[in-house]
């Protein structure tokens, strides 16, 4: 293996499944580094879901995972060890949340089988830091169909301390569909984590029902929609009052001189509307249809600087709420 050209070594690794890769990874430092380097094109362990809950909140059968079963070899030099000791002295937590109760990790391999991973939430020694690093690396190498973060996420500061800018490892959870429920106190932490520490293949759903939405919240959400299209394929936003965000989006699409290179190509808004709701005056090519108690309104918003830049909108109104699907149109 070691005498083969690097391209051939890569081809050999692509023939291995996740369990085989994991076994090879524990053999020596060279093979571990090689697998980490090409991990994006290698097999991942497919799991159903990932979530963080209180141990007392668990439902159904859970199989506890032995923490030390996740150990594998890596180099812990003096510089990293000193940083870890500082983190321990400062009691830097693994999780960011608003509750005093201890939360832990649920990993579901199927819809019916759940595993409970009781990680040290505030590591007290180097051994516990090693445990966190080893298990997080394993989780980064899995692919989850769903992830749920209800007012709680992993602490990016702790992740960065544990991996110390290791460029061979992608410090993101690989997820098809992610669902997050921020609160007033966890809003920025949860959104920052969702954008930067989850690699989302399909969509991110942000539930804002527990938020007293302020202008600051609106600006943060708008910035994500306008600038994070290279990280997020699609976003669903649900809240009680998103009218200001909708107006901001209309204004931006209409008047911006930019070509929207970073804007999300698809996103949905769902919120409650008043009886005085009116369609934007800037709507073009309006089509309205009433079907089974739902009012469908299709229209386009065109940029004033470049008429070729346009977005399609589809509003669905019923029972005092509106669901707006927005998509950038391609010429």
C-alpha atoms as a PDB file:
ATOM      1  CA  UNK A   1       0.000   0.000   0.000  1.00  0.00           C
ATOM      2  CA  UNK A   2       2.691   2.513   1.026  1.00  0.00           C
ATOM      3  CA  UNK A   3       4.726   1.925  -2.152  1.00  0.00           C
ATOM      4  CA  UNK A   4       1.760   2.688  -4.409  1.00  0.00           C
ATOM      5  CA  UNK A   5       1.300   6.135  -6.017  1.00  0.00           C
ATOM      6  CA  UNK A   6      -1.005   8.427  -4.031  1.00  0.00           C
ATOM      7  CA  UNK A   7      -3.680   8.246  -6.754  1.00  0.00           C
ATOM      8  CA  UNK A   8      -3.756   4.459  -6.511  1.00  0.00           C
ATOM      9  CA  UNK A   9      -3.923   4.597  -2.709  1.00  0.00           C
ATOM     10  CA  UNK A  10      -6.945   6.903  -3.071  1.00  0.00           C
ATOM     11  CA  UNK A  11      -8.622   4.455  -5.479  1.00  0.00           C
ATOM     12  CA  UNK A  12      -8.057   1.602  -3.015  1.00  0.00           C
ATOM     13  CA  UNK A  13      -9.658   3.603  -0.192  1.00  0.00           C
ATOM     14  CA  UNK A  14     -12.722   4.318  -2.355  1.00  0.00           C
ATOM     15  CA  UNK A  15     -13.372   0.567  -2.522  1.00  0.00           C
ATOM     16  CA  UNK A  16     -13.749   0.303   1.273  1.00  0.00           C
ATOM     17  CA  UNK A  17     -16.967   0.743   3.231  1.00  0.00           C
ATOM     18  CA  UNK A  18     -17.190   2.909   6.362  1.00  0.00           C
ATOM     19  CA  UNK A  19     -16.372   0.117   8.845  1.00  0.00           C
ATOM     20  CA  UNK A  20     -13.340  -0.940   6.803  1.00  0.00           C
ATOM     21  CA  UNK A  21     -12.134   2.647   6.560  1.00  0.00           C
ATOM     22  CA  UNK A  22     -12.522   3.057  10.312  1.00  0.00           C
ATOM     23  CA  UNK A  23     -10.409  -0.057  10.963  1.00  0.00           C
ATOM     24  CA  UNK A  24      -7.692   1.082   8.548  1.00  0.00           C
ATOM     25  CA  UNK A  25      -7.767   4.553  10.105  1.00  0.00           C
ATOM     26  CA  UNK A  26      -6.703   3.138  13.462  1.00  0.00           C
ATOM     27  CA  UNK A  27      -3.688   1.327  11.985  1.00  0.00           C
ATOM     28  CA  UNK A  28      -1.243   4.245  11.902  1.00  0.00           C
ATOM     29  CA  UNK A  29      -0.970   8.009  11.618  1.00  0.00           C
ATOM     30  CA  UNK A  30      -0.193   8.036   7.870  1.00  0.00           C
ATOM     31  CA  UNK A  31      -3.320   6.121   6.874  1.00  0.00           C
ATOM     32  CA  UNK A  32      -5.472   8.173   9.232  1.00  0.00           C
ATOM     33  CA  UNK A  33      -4.183  11.403   7.656  1.00  0.00           C
ATOM     34  CA  UNK A  34      -4.689   9.998   4.155  1.00  0.00           C
ATOM     35  CA  UNK A  35      -8.307   9.024   4.883  1.00  0.00           C
ATOM     36  CA  UNK A  36      -8.993  12.412   6.483  1.00  0.00           C
ATOM     37  CA  UNK A  37      -7.547  14.163   3.426  1.00  0.00           C
ATOM     38  CA  UNK A  38      -9.914  12.391   1.026  1.00  0.00           C
ATOM     39  CA  UNK A  39     -12.871  11.901   3.386  1.00  0.00           C
ATOM     40  CA  UNK A  40     -15.254  13.915   1.195  1.00  0.00           C
ATOM     41  CA  UNK A  41     -15.019  11.294  -1.563  1.00  0.00           C
ATOM     42  CA  UNK A  42     -14.987   8.217   0.670  1.00  0.00           C
ATOM     43  CA  UNK A  43     -17.770   6.180   2.237  1.00  0.00           C
ATOM     44  CA  UNK A  44     -19.581   7.591   5.268  1.00  0.00           C
ATOM     45  CA  UNK A  45     -21.633   5.830   7.901  1.00  0.00           C
ATOM     46  CA  UNK A  46     -25.289   6.514   7.086  1.00  0.00           C
ATOM     47  CA  UNK A  47     -27.398   7.188  10.185  1.00  0.00           C
ATOM     48  CA  UNK A  48     -31.006   8.251  10.585  1.00  0.00           C
ATOM     49  CA  UNK A  49     -30.731  11.243  12.913  1.00  0.00           C
ATOM     50  CA  UNK A  50     -28.751  13.281  15.404  1.00  0.00           C
ATOM     51  CA  UNK A  51     -30.168  15.226  18.342  1.00  0.00           C
ATOM     52  CA  UNK A  52     -29.226  16.559  21.777  1.00  0.00           C
ATOM     53  CA  UNK A  53     -31.640  15.956  24.654  1.00  0.00           C
ATOM     54  CA  UNK A  54     -31.740  15.659  28.423  1.00  0.00           C
ATOM     55  CA  UNK A  55     -31.259  12.070  29.546  1.00  0.00           C
ATOM     56  CA  UNK A  56     -34.592  12.293  31.397  1.00  0.00           C
ATOM     57  CA  UNK A  57     -36.361  13.308  28.174  1.00  0.00           C
ATOM     58  CA  UNK A  58     -35.460  10.148  26.299  1.00  0.00           C
ATOM     59  CA  UNK A  59     -38.270   8.027  24.902  1.00  0.00           C
ATOM     60  CA  UNK A  60     -38.199   4.447  23.711  1.00  0.00           C
ATOM     61  CA  UNK A  61     -35.309   2.023  23.914  1.00  0.00           C
ATOM     62  CA  UNK A  62     -31.804   3.477  24.028  1.00  0.00           C
ATOM     63  CA  UNK A  63     -28.553   1.596  23.786  1.00  0.00           C
ATOM     64  CA  UNK A  64     -25.772   3.304  25.724  1.00  0.00           C
ATOM     65  CA  UNK A  65     -22.466   3.654  23.891  1.00  0.00           C
ATOM     66  CA  UNK A  66     -19.249   2.935  25.764  1.00  0.00           C
ATOM     67  CA  UNK A  67     -17.252   6.152  25.413  1.00  0.00           C
ATOM     68  CA  UNK A  68     -13.833   4.518  25.210  1.00  0.00           C
ATOM     69  CA  UNK A  69     -14.968   2.369  22.280  1.00  0.00           C
ATOM     70  CA  UNK A  70     -14.465   5.451  20.112  1.00  0.00           C
ATOM     71  CA  UNK A  71     -10.758   5.882  20.816  1.00  0.00           C
ATOM     72  CA  UNK A  72      -8.174   5.916  18.063  1.00  0.00           C
ATOM     73  CA  UNK A  73      -4.645   7.174  17.856  1.00  0.00           C
ATOM     74  CA  UNK A  74      -3.761  10.796  17.193  1.00  0.00           C
ATOM     75  CA  UNK A  75      -0.834  13.028  18.057  1.00  0.00           C
ATOM     76  CA  UNK A  76      -1.306  15.199  21.139  1.00  0.00           C
ATOM     77  CA  UNK A  77       1.642  17.578  21.192  1.00  0.00           C
ATOM     78  CA  UNK A  78       2.601  19.912  24.037  1.00  0.00           C
ATOM     79  CA  UNK A  79       1.082  22.986  22.356  1.00  0.00           C
ATOM     80  CA  UNK A  80      -2.344  21.371  21.983  1.00  0.00           C
ATOM     81  CA  UNK A  81      -2.133  19.944  25.497  1.00  0.00           C
ATOM     82  CA  UNK A  82      -1.557  23.434  26.933  1.00  0.00           C
ATOM     83  CA  UNK A  83      -4.563  24.802  25.032  1.00  0.00           C
ATOM     84  CA  UNK A  84      -6.665  21.938  26.342  1.00  0.00           C
ATOM     85  CA  UNK A  85      -5.542  22.587  29.921  1.00  0.00           C
ATOM     86  CA  UNK A  86      -6.540  26.241  29.535  1.00  0.00           C
ATOM     87  CA  UNK A  87      -9.980  25.195  28.249  1.00  0.00           C
ATOM     88  CA  UNK A  88     -10.374  22.855  31.231  1.00  0.00           C
ATOM     89  CA  UNK A  89      -9.390  25.608  33.683  1.00  0.00           C
ATOM     90  CA  UNK A  90     -11.942  27.959  32.080  1.00  0.00           C
ATOM     91  CA  UNK A  91     -14.665  25.256  32.163  1.00  0.00           C
ATOM     92  CA  UNK A  92     -15.473  25.816  28.491  1.00  0.00           C
ATOM     93  CA  UNK A  93     -18.632  23.782  27.764  1.00  0.00           C
ATOM     94  CA  UNK A  94     -19.227  21.351  24.921  1.00  0.00           C
ATOM     95  CA  UNK A  95     -22.801  22.621  24.455  1.00  0.00           C
ATOM     96  CA  UNK A  96     -24.453  26.036  24.270  1.00  0.00           C
ATOM     97  CA  UNK A  97     -27.981  26.147  25.680  1.00  0.00           C
ATOM     98  CA  UNK A  98     -30.234  28.075  28.050  1.00  0.00           C
ATOM     99  CA  UNK A  99     -31.142  25.255  30.433  1.00  0.00           C
ATOM    100  CA  UNK A 100     -29.254  24.301  33.581  1.00  0.00           C
ATOM    101  CA  UNK A 101     -30.039  20.628  33.043  1.00  0.00           C
ATOM    102  CA  UNK A 102     -27.338  18.496  31.461  1.00  0.00           C
ATOM    103  CA  UNK A 103     -27.939  17.608  27.846  1.00  0.00           C
ATOM    104  CA  UNK A 104     -26.475  14.721  25.893  1.00  0.00           C
ATOM    105  CA  UNK A 105     -26.403  13.167  22.485  1.00  0.00           C
ATOM    106  CA  UNK A 106     -28.857  10.837  20.794  1.00  0.00           C
ATOM    107  CA  UNK A 107     -27.666   9.101  17.633  1.00  0.00           C
ATOM    108  CA  UNK A 108     -30.277   7.105  15.740  1.00  0.00           C
ATOM    109  CA  UNK A 109     -29.042   4.467  13.293  1.00  0.00           C
ATOM    110  CA  UNK A 110     -32.590   3.723  12.109  1.00  0.00           C
ATOM    111  CA  UNK A 111     -36.033   5.073  12.894  1.00  0.00           C
ATOM    112  CA  UNK A 112     -36.420   2.377  15.576  1.00  0.00           C
ATOM    113  CA  UNK A 113     -32.950   1.979  17.074  1.00  0.00           C
ATOM    114  CA  UNK A 114     -31.418   4.793  19.120  1.00  0.00           C
ATOM    115  CA  UNK A 115     -28.005   5.126  20.700  1.00  0.00           C
ATOM    116  CA  UNK A 116     -27.272   7.360  23.674  1.00  0.00           C
ATOM    117  CA  UNK A 117     -23.808   8.909  23.775  1.00  0.00           C
ATOM    118  CA  UNK A 118     -23.228  10.481  27.189  1.00  0.00           C
ATOM    119  CA  UNK A 119     -20.363  12.859  26.489  1.00  0.00           C
ATOM    120  CA  UNK A 120     -18.649  14.987  29.157  1.00  0.00           C
ATOM    121  CA  UNK A 121     -20.392  18.345  28.751  1.00  0.00           C
ATOM    122  CA  UNK A 122     -17.747  20.285  30.706  1.00  0.00           C
ATOM    123  CA  UNK A 123     -14.517  18.270  30.443  1.00  0.00           C
ATOM    124  CA  UNK A 124     -12.495  18.146  33.658  1.00  0.00           C
ATOM    125  CA  UNK A 125      -9.267  16.532  32.441  1.00  0.00           C
ATOM    126  CA  UNK A 126      -7.218  15.657  29.346  1.00  0.00           C
ATOM    127  CA  UNK A 127      -8.763  12.201  29.091  1.00  0.00           C
ATOM    128  CA  UNK A 128     -12.242  13.707  28.742  1.00  0.00           C
ATOM    129  CA  UNK A 129     -10.933  16.118  26.077  1.00  0.00           C
ATOM    130  CA  UNK A 130      -9.569  13.102  24.178  1.00  0.00           C
ATOM    131  CA  UNK A 131     -12.980  11.425  24.460  1.00  0.00           C
ATOM    132  CA  UNK A 132     -14.710  14.488  23.006  1.00  0.00           C
ATOM    133  CA  UNK A 133     -12.260  14.847  20.146  1.00  0.00           C
ATOM    134  CA  UNK A 134     -12.421  11.191  19.142  1.00  0.00           C
ATOM    135  CA  UNK A 135     -16.217  11.032  19.192  1.00  0.00           C
ATOM    136  CA  UNK A 136     -16.716  14.326  17.385  1.00  0.00           C
ATOM    137  CA  UNK A 137     -14.357  13.184  14.643  1.00  0.00           C
ATOM    138  CA  UNK A 138     -16.391   9.996  14.255  1.00  0.00           C
ATOM    139  CA  UNK A 139     -19.626  11.998  14.082  1.00  0.00           C
ATOM    140  CA  UNK A 140     -18.128  14.358  11.480  1.00  0.00           C
ATOM    141  CA  UNK A 141     -17.456  11.263   9.355  1.00  0.00           C
ATOM    142  CA  UNK A 142     -21.097  10.126   9.454  1.00  0.00           C
ATOM    143  CA  UNK A 143     -23.957  11.202   7.200  1.00  0.00           C
ATOM    144  CA  UNK A 144     -27.270  11.900   8.962  1.00  0.00           C
ATOM    145  CA  UNK A 145     -30.642  12.023   7.248  1.00  0.00           C
ATOM    146  CA  UNK A 146     -31.958  14.408   9.925  1.00  0.00           C
ATOM    147  CA  UNK A 147     -30.558  16.584  12.709  1.00  0.00           C
ATOM    148  CA  UNK A 148     -32.590  18.302  15.438  1.00  0.00           C
ATOM    149  CA  UNK A 149     -31.265  21.101  17.649  1.00  0.00           C
ATOM    150  CA  UNK A 150     -33.877  22.450  20.065  1.00  0.00           C
ATOM    151  CA  UNK A 151     -32.462  25.547  21.828  1.00  0.00           C
ATOM    152  CA  UNK A 152     -29.069  23.820  22.009  1.00  0.00           C
ATOM    153  CA  UNK A 153     -26.017  23.285  19.785  1.00  0.00           C
ATOM    154  CA  UNK A 154     -22.394  22.284  20.049  1.00  0.00           C
ATOM    155  CA  UNK A 155     -20.032  25.036  21.140  1.00  0.00           C
ATOM    156  CA  UNK A 156     -17.883  26.153  18.150  1.00  0.00           C
ATOM    157  CA  UNK A 157     -15.215  27.415  20.549  1.00  0.00           C
ATOM    158  CA  UNK A 158     -14.794  23.944  22.039  1.00  0.00           C
ATOM    159  CA  UNK A 159     -14.785  22.311  18.588  1.00  0.00           C
ATOM    160  CA  UNK A 160     -11.996  24.623  17.437  1.00  0.00           C
ATOM    161  CA  UNK A 161      -9.976  24.022  20.612  1.00  0.00           C
ATOM    162  CA  UNK A 162     -10.298  20.249  20.288  1.00  0.00           C
ATOM    163  CA  UNK A 163      -9.158  20.157  16.670  1.00  0.00           C
ATOM    164  CA  UNK A 164      -6.740  23.119  16.790  1.00  0.00           C
ATOM    165  CA  UNK A 165      -7.181  24.128  13.127  1.00  0.00           C
ATOM    166  CA  UNK A 166      -6.561  20.588  11.860  1.00  0.00           C
ATOM    167  CA  UNK A 167      -7.029  21.084   8.109  1.00  0.00           C
ATOM    168  CA  UNK A 168      -7.290  17.351   7.436  1.00  0.00           C
ATOM    169  CA  UNK A 169     -10.703  17.139   9.132  1.00  0.00           C
ATOM    170  CA  UNK A 170     -13.913  18.820   8.014  1.00  0.00           C
ATOM    171  CA  UNK A 171     -15.377  20.285  11.204  1.00  0.00           C
ATOM    172  CA  UNK A 172     -18.991  19.935  10.109  1.00  0.00           C
ATOM    173  CA  UNK A 173     -21.844  17.523  10.680  1.00  0.00           C
ATOM    174  CA  UNK A 174     -23.035  16.075   7.364  1.00  0.00           C
ATOM    175  CA  UNK A 175     -26.847  16.344   7.313  1.00  0.00           C
ATOM    176  CA  UNK A 176     -29.544  16.122   4.652  1.00  0.00           C
ATOM    177  CA  UNK A 177     -32.330  17.907   6.574  1.00  0.00           C
ATOM    178  CA  UNK A 178     -31.573  20.055   9.628  1.00  0.00           C
ATOM    179  CA  UNK A 179     -34.217  21.466  12.004  1.00  0.00           C
ATOM    180  CA  UNK A 180     -33.412  24.108  14.620  1.00  0.00           C
ATOM    181  CA  UNK A 181     -35.545  25.800  17.289  1.00  0.00           C
ATOM    182  CA  UNK A 182     -33.771  28.932  18.577  1.00  0.00           C
ATOM    183  CA  UNK A 183     -34.953  30.933  21.570  1.00  0.00           C
ATOM    184  CA  UNK A 184     -34.343  34.587  22.410  1.00  0.00           C
ATOM    185  CA  UNK A 185     -31.143  33.682  24.284  1.00  0.00           C
ATOM    186  CA  UNK A 186     -29.825  31.029  21.865  1.00  0.00           C
ATOM    187  CA  UNK A 187     -30.766  32.693  18.559  1.00  0.00           C
ATOM    188  CA  UNK A 188     -27.324  33.840  17.371  1.00  0.00           C
ATOM    189  CA  UNK A 189     -25.492  30.754  18.633  1.00  0.00           C
ATOM    190  CA  UNK A 190     -27.882  28.389  16.878  1.00  0.00           C
ATOM    191  CA  UNK A 191     -27.848  30.264  13.573  1.00  0.00           C
ATOM    192  CA  UNK A 192     -24.055  30.612  13.580  1.00  0.00           C
ATOM    193  CA  UNK A 193     -23.701  26.885  14.256  1.00  0.00           C
ATOM    194  CA  UNK A 194     -26.274  25.973  11.591  1.00  0.00           C
ATOM    195  CA  UNK A 195     -24.556  27.982   8.868  1.00  0.00           C
ATOM    196  CA  UNK A 196     -20.931  27.149   9.681  1.00  0.00           C
ATOM    197  CA  UNK A 197     -20.866  23.770  11.415  1.00  0.00           C
ATOM    198  CA  UNK A 198     -23.517  21.788   9.538  1.00  0.00           C
ATOM    199  CA  UNK A 199     -22.968  20.794   5.926  1.00  0.00           C
ATOM    200  CA  UNK A 200     -26.559  20.665   4.663  1.00  0.00           C
ATOM    201  CA  UNK A 201     -27.391  18.721   1.515  1.00  0.00           C
ATOM    202  CA  UNK A 202     -31.126  19.460   1.238  1.00  0.00           C
ATOM    203  CA  UNK A 203     -32.580  22.109   3.559  1.00  0.00           C
ATOM    204  CA  UNK A 204     -32.392  23.976   6.863  1.00  0.00           C
ATOM    205  CA  UNK A 205     -35.653  24.626   8.729  1.00  0.00           C
ATOM    206  CA  UNK A 206     -35.588  27.411  11.320  1.00  0.00           C
ATOM    207  CA  UNK A 207     -38.576  27.433  13.675  1.00  0.00           C
ATOM    208  CA  UNK A 208     -39.048  30.933  15.109  1.00  0.00           C
ATOM    209  CA  UNK A 209     -42.256  30.386  17.081  1.00  0.00           C
ATOM    210  CA  UNK A 210     -40.470  30.930  20.418  1.00  0.00           C
ATOM    211  CA  UNK A 211     -38.770  34.154  19.347  1.00  0.00           C
ATOM    212  CA  UNK A 212     -39.909  37.683  20.096  1.00  0.00           C
ATOM    213  CA  UNK A 213     -38.623  38.827  16.728  1.00  0.00           C
ATOM    214  CA  UNK A 214     -36.721  42.118  16.779  1.00  0.00           C
ATOM    215  CA  UNK A 215     -35.086  44.204  14.072  1.00  0.00           C
ATOM    216  CA  UNK A 216     -31.765  42.574  14.970  1.00  0.00           C
ATOM    217  CA  UNK A 217     -33.231  39.105  14.375  1.00  0.00           C
ATOM    218  CA  UNK A 218     -34.624  40.239  11.018  1.00  0.00           C
ATOM    219  CA  UNK A 219     -31.233  41.617   9.953  1.00  0.00           C
ATOM    220  CA  UNK A 220     -29.440  38.395  10.900  1.00  0.00           C
ATOM    221  CA  UNK A 221     -31.957  36.277   8.981  1.00  0.00           C
ATOM    222  CA  UNK A 222     -31.784  38.576   5.969  1.00  0.00           C
ATOM    223  CA  UNK A 223     -27.975  38.432   5.952  1.00  0.00           C
ATOM    224  CA  UNK A 224     -28.137  34.628   5.827  1.00  0.00           C
ATOM    225  CA  UNK A 225     -30.614  34.662   2.932  1.00  0.00           C
ATOM    226  CA  UNK A 226     -28.619  37.269   1.001  1.00  0.00           C
ATOM    227  CA  UNK A 227     -25.090  35.958   1.576  1.00  0.00           C
ATOM    228  CA  UNK A 228     -24.976  32.263   2.491  1.00  0.00           C
ATOM    229  CA  UNK A 229     -26.154  30.667  -0.745  1.00  0.00           C
ATOM    230  CA  UNK A 230     -22.806  28.911  -1.142  1.00  0.00           C
ATOM    231  CA  UNK A 231     -23.379  27.075   2.164  1.00  0.00           C
ATOM    232  CA  UNK A 232     -27.135  26.444   2.198  1.00  0.00           C
ATOM    233  CA  UNK A 233     -29.215  25.021  -0.676  1.00  0.00           C
ATOM    234  CA  UNK A 234     -32.624  25.868   0.808  1.00  0.00           C
ATOM    235  CA  UNK A 235     -34.101  27.451   3.955  1.00  0.00           C
ATOM    236  CA  UNK A 236     -37.551  27.230   5.549  1.00  0.00           C
ATOM    237  CA  UNK A 237     -38.387  30.010   8.011  1.00  0.00           C
ATOM    238  CA  UNK A 238     -41.492  29.746  10.187  1.00  0.00           C
ATOM    239  CA  UNK A 239     -42.563  32.376  12.687  1.00  0.00           C
ATOM    240  CA  UNK A 240     -45.422  34.570  13.817  1.00  0.00           C
ATOM    241  CA  UNK A 241     -44.225  37.847  12.300  1.00  0.00           C
ATOM    242  CA  UNK A 242     -41.958  37.808   9.259  1.00  0.00           C
ATOM    243  CA  UNK A 243     -43.605  40.637   7.330  1.00  0.00           C
ATOM    244  CA  UNK A 244     -40.596  42.934   7.813  1.00  0.00           C
ATOM    245  CA  UNK A 245     -38.264  40.259   6.465  1.00  0.00           C
ATOM    246  CA  UNK A 246     -40.507  39.777   3.422  1.00  0.00           C
ATOM    247  CA  UNK A 247     -40.513  43.539   2.757  1.00  0.00           C
ATOM    248  CA  UNK A 248     -36.726  43.652   3.106  1.00  0.00           C
ATOM    249  CA  UNK A 249     -36.328  40.806   0.602  1.00  0.00           C
ATOM    250  CA  UNK A 250     -38.618  42.531  -1.920  1.00  0.00           C
ATOM    251  CA  UNK A 251     -36.683  45.794  -1.568  1.00  0.00           C
ATOM    252  CA  UNK A 252     -33.322  44.051  -1.945  1.00  0.00           C
ATOM    253  CA  UNK A 253     -34.306  42.021  -5.000  1.00  0.00           C
ATOM    254  CA  UNK A 254     -35.831  45.069  -6.668  1.00  0.00           C
ATOM    255  CA  UNK A 255     -33.211  47.739  -6.019  1.00  0.00           C
ATOM    256  CA  UNK A 256     -29.837  46.049  -5.463  1.00  0.00           C
ATOM    257  CA  UNK A 257     -27.246  46.656  -8.185  1.00  0.00           C
ATOM    258  CA  UNK A 258     -25.607  43.321  -7.396  1.00  0.00           C
ATOM    259  CA  UNK A 259     -26.260  40.140  -9.354  1.00  0.00           C
ATOM    260  CA  UNK A 260     -27.107  38.180  -6.174  1.00  0.00           C
ATOM    261  CA  UNK A 261     -24.183  35.709  -6.488  1.00  0.00           C
ATOM    262  CA  UNK A 262     -24.391  34.727  -2.811  1.00  0.00           C
ATOM    263  CA  UNK A 263     -28.165  34.736  -2.326  1.00  0.00           C
ATOM    264  CA  UNK A 264     -29.915  31.476  -1.565  1.00  0.00           C
ATOM    265  CA  UNK A 265     -31.532  30.139  -4.746  1.00  0.00           C
ATOM    266  CA  UNK A 266     -34.604  28.831  -2.886  1.00  0.00           C
ATOM    267  CA  UNK A 267     -36.223  29.748   0.434  1.00  0.00           C
ATOM    268  CA  UNK A 268     -39.640  29.646   2.098  1.00  0.00           C
ATOM    269  CA  UNK A 269     -41.305  32.001   4.572  1.00  0.00           C
ATOM    270  CA  UNK A 270     -44.262  30.908   6.672  1.00  0.00           C
ATOM    271  CA  UNK A 271     -45.988  33.327   9.047  1.00  0.00           C
ATOM    272  CA  UNK A 272     -49.308  34.800  10.144  1.00  0.00           C
ATOM    273  CA  UNK A 273     -50.821  37.707   8.240  1.00  0.00           C
ATOM    274  CA  UNK A 274     -53.460  40.284   9.052  1.00  0.00           C
ATOM    275  CA  UNK A 275     -56.747  40.714   7.233  1.00  0.00           C
ATOM    276  CA  UNK A 276     -55.290  43.855   5.602  1.00  0.00           C
ATOM    277  CA  UNK A 277     -52.466  41.968   3.876  1.00  0.00           C
ATOM    278  CA  UNK A 278     -51.758  43.293   0.385  1.00  0.00           C
ATOM    279  CA  UNK A 279     -49.566  41.976  -2.397  1.00  0.00           C
ATOM    280  CA  UNK A 280     -46.431  44.007  -3.122  1.00  0.00           C
ATOM    281  CA  UNK A 281     -46.941  46.763  -5.689  1.00  0.00           C
ATOM    282  CA  UNK A 282     -43.751  45.569  -7.391  1.00  0.00           C
ATOM    283  CA  UNK A 283     -45.263  42.184  -8.280  1.00  0.00           C
ATOM    284  CA  UNK A 284     -45.311  41.389 -12.012  1.00  0.00           C
ATOM    285  CA  UNK A 285     -47.140  38.722 -14.017  1.00  0.00           C
ATOM    286  CA  UNK A 286     -49.592  38.073 -11.192  1.00  0.00           C
ATOM    287  CA  UNK A 287     -51.723  34.911 -11.347  1.00  0.00           C
ATOM    288  CA  UNK A 288     -54.341  34.202  -8.647  1.00  0.00           C
ATOM    289  CA  UNK A 289     -56.193  30.928  -8.126  1.00  0.00           C
ATOM    290  CA  UNK A 290     -58.560  29.732  -5.375  1.00  0.00           C
ATOM    291  CA  UNK A 291     -58.533  25.975  -4.784  1.00  0.00           C
ATOM    292  CA  UNK A 292     -59.904  23.921  -1.863  1.00  0.00           C
ATOM    293  CA  UNK A 293     -59.938  26.886   0.500  1.00  0.00           C
ATOM    294  CA  UNK A 294     -56.383  27.944  -0.372  1.00  0.00           C
ATOM    295  CA  UNK A 295     -55.559  31.152  -2.230  1.00  0.00           C
ATOM    296  CA  UNK A 296     -52.580  30.706  -4.570  1.00  0.00           C
ATOM    297  CA  UNK A 297     -50.845  33.811  -5.891  1.00  0.00           C
ATOM    298  CA  UNK A 298     -47.964  33.483  -8.335  1.00  0.00           C
ATOM    299  CA  UNK A 299     -45.892  36.497  -9.374  1.00  0.00           C
ATOM    300  CA  UNK A 300     -42.412  37.753 -10.198  1.00  0.00           C
ATOM    301  CA  UNK A 301     -40.189  40.453  -8.706  1.00  0.00           C
ATOM    302  CA  UNK A 302     -37.812  42.045 -11.233  1.00  0.00           C
ATOM    303  CA  UNK A 303     -34.585  43.934 -10.536  1.00  0.00           C
ATOM    304  CA  UNK A 304     -34.729  47.559 -11.762  1.00  0.00           C
ATOM    305  CA  UNK A 305     -31.042  47.600 -12.785  1.00  0.00           C
ATOM    306  CA  UNK A 306     -31.127  44.327 -14.719  1.00  0.00           C
ATOM    307  CA  UNK A 307     -34.553  43.102 -15.891  1.00  0.00           C
ATOM    308  CA  UNK A 308     -33.050  39.676 -16.599  1.00  0.00           C
ATOM    309  CA  UNK A 309     -32.595  39.184 -12.850  1.00  0.00           C
ATOM    310  CA  UNK A 310     -35.937  38.060 -11.479  1.00  0.00           C
ATOM    311  CA  UNK A 311     -37.346  35.901  -8.710  1.00  0.00           C
ATOM    312  CA  UNK A 312     -40.535  33.855  -8.790  1.00  0.00           C
ATOM    313  CA  UNK A 313     -42.896  33.929  -5.806  1.00  0.00           C
ATOM    314  CA  UNK A 314     -45.754  31.612  -4.923  1.00  0.00           C
ATOM    315  CA  UNK A 315     -47.999  32.612  -1.997  1.00  0.00           C
ATOM    316  CA  UNK A 316     -50.343  30.103  -0.378  1.00  0.00           C
ATOM    317  CA  UNK A 317     -52.861  31.749   1.986  1.00  0.00           C
ATOM    318  CA  UNK A 318     -55.229  29.930   4.331  1.00  0.00           C
ATOM    319  CA  UNK A 319     -56.526  30.252   7.909  1.00  0.00           C
ATOM    320  CA  UNK A 320     -54.737  33.559   8.474  1.00  0.00           C
ATOM    321  CA  UNK A 321     -51.279  32.305   7.553  1.00  0.00           C
ATOM    322  CA  UNK A 322     -49.176  32.555   4.430  1.00  0.00           C
ATOM    323  CA  UNK A 323     -46.491  30.325   2.960  1.00  0.00           C
ATOM    324  CA  UNK A 324     -44.239  32.090   0.454  1.00  0.00           C
ATOM    325  CA  UNK A 325     -41.930  30.104  -1.820  1.00  0.00           C
ATOM    326  CA  UNK A 326     -39.185  32.225  -3.382  1.00  0.00           C
ATOM    327  CA  UNK A 327     -36.875  31.013  -6.125  1.00  0.00           C
ATOM    328  CA  UNK A 328     -34.266  32.748  -8.261  1.00  0.00           C
ATOM    329  CA  UNK A 329     -35.180  32.319 -11.920  1.00  0.00           C
ATOM    330  CA  UNK A 330     -32.547  31.120 -14.384  1.00  0.00           C
ATOM    331  CA  UNK A 331     -32.491  32.509 -17.904  1.00  0.00           C
END
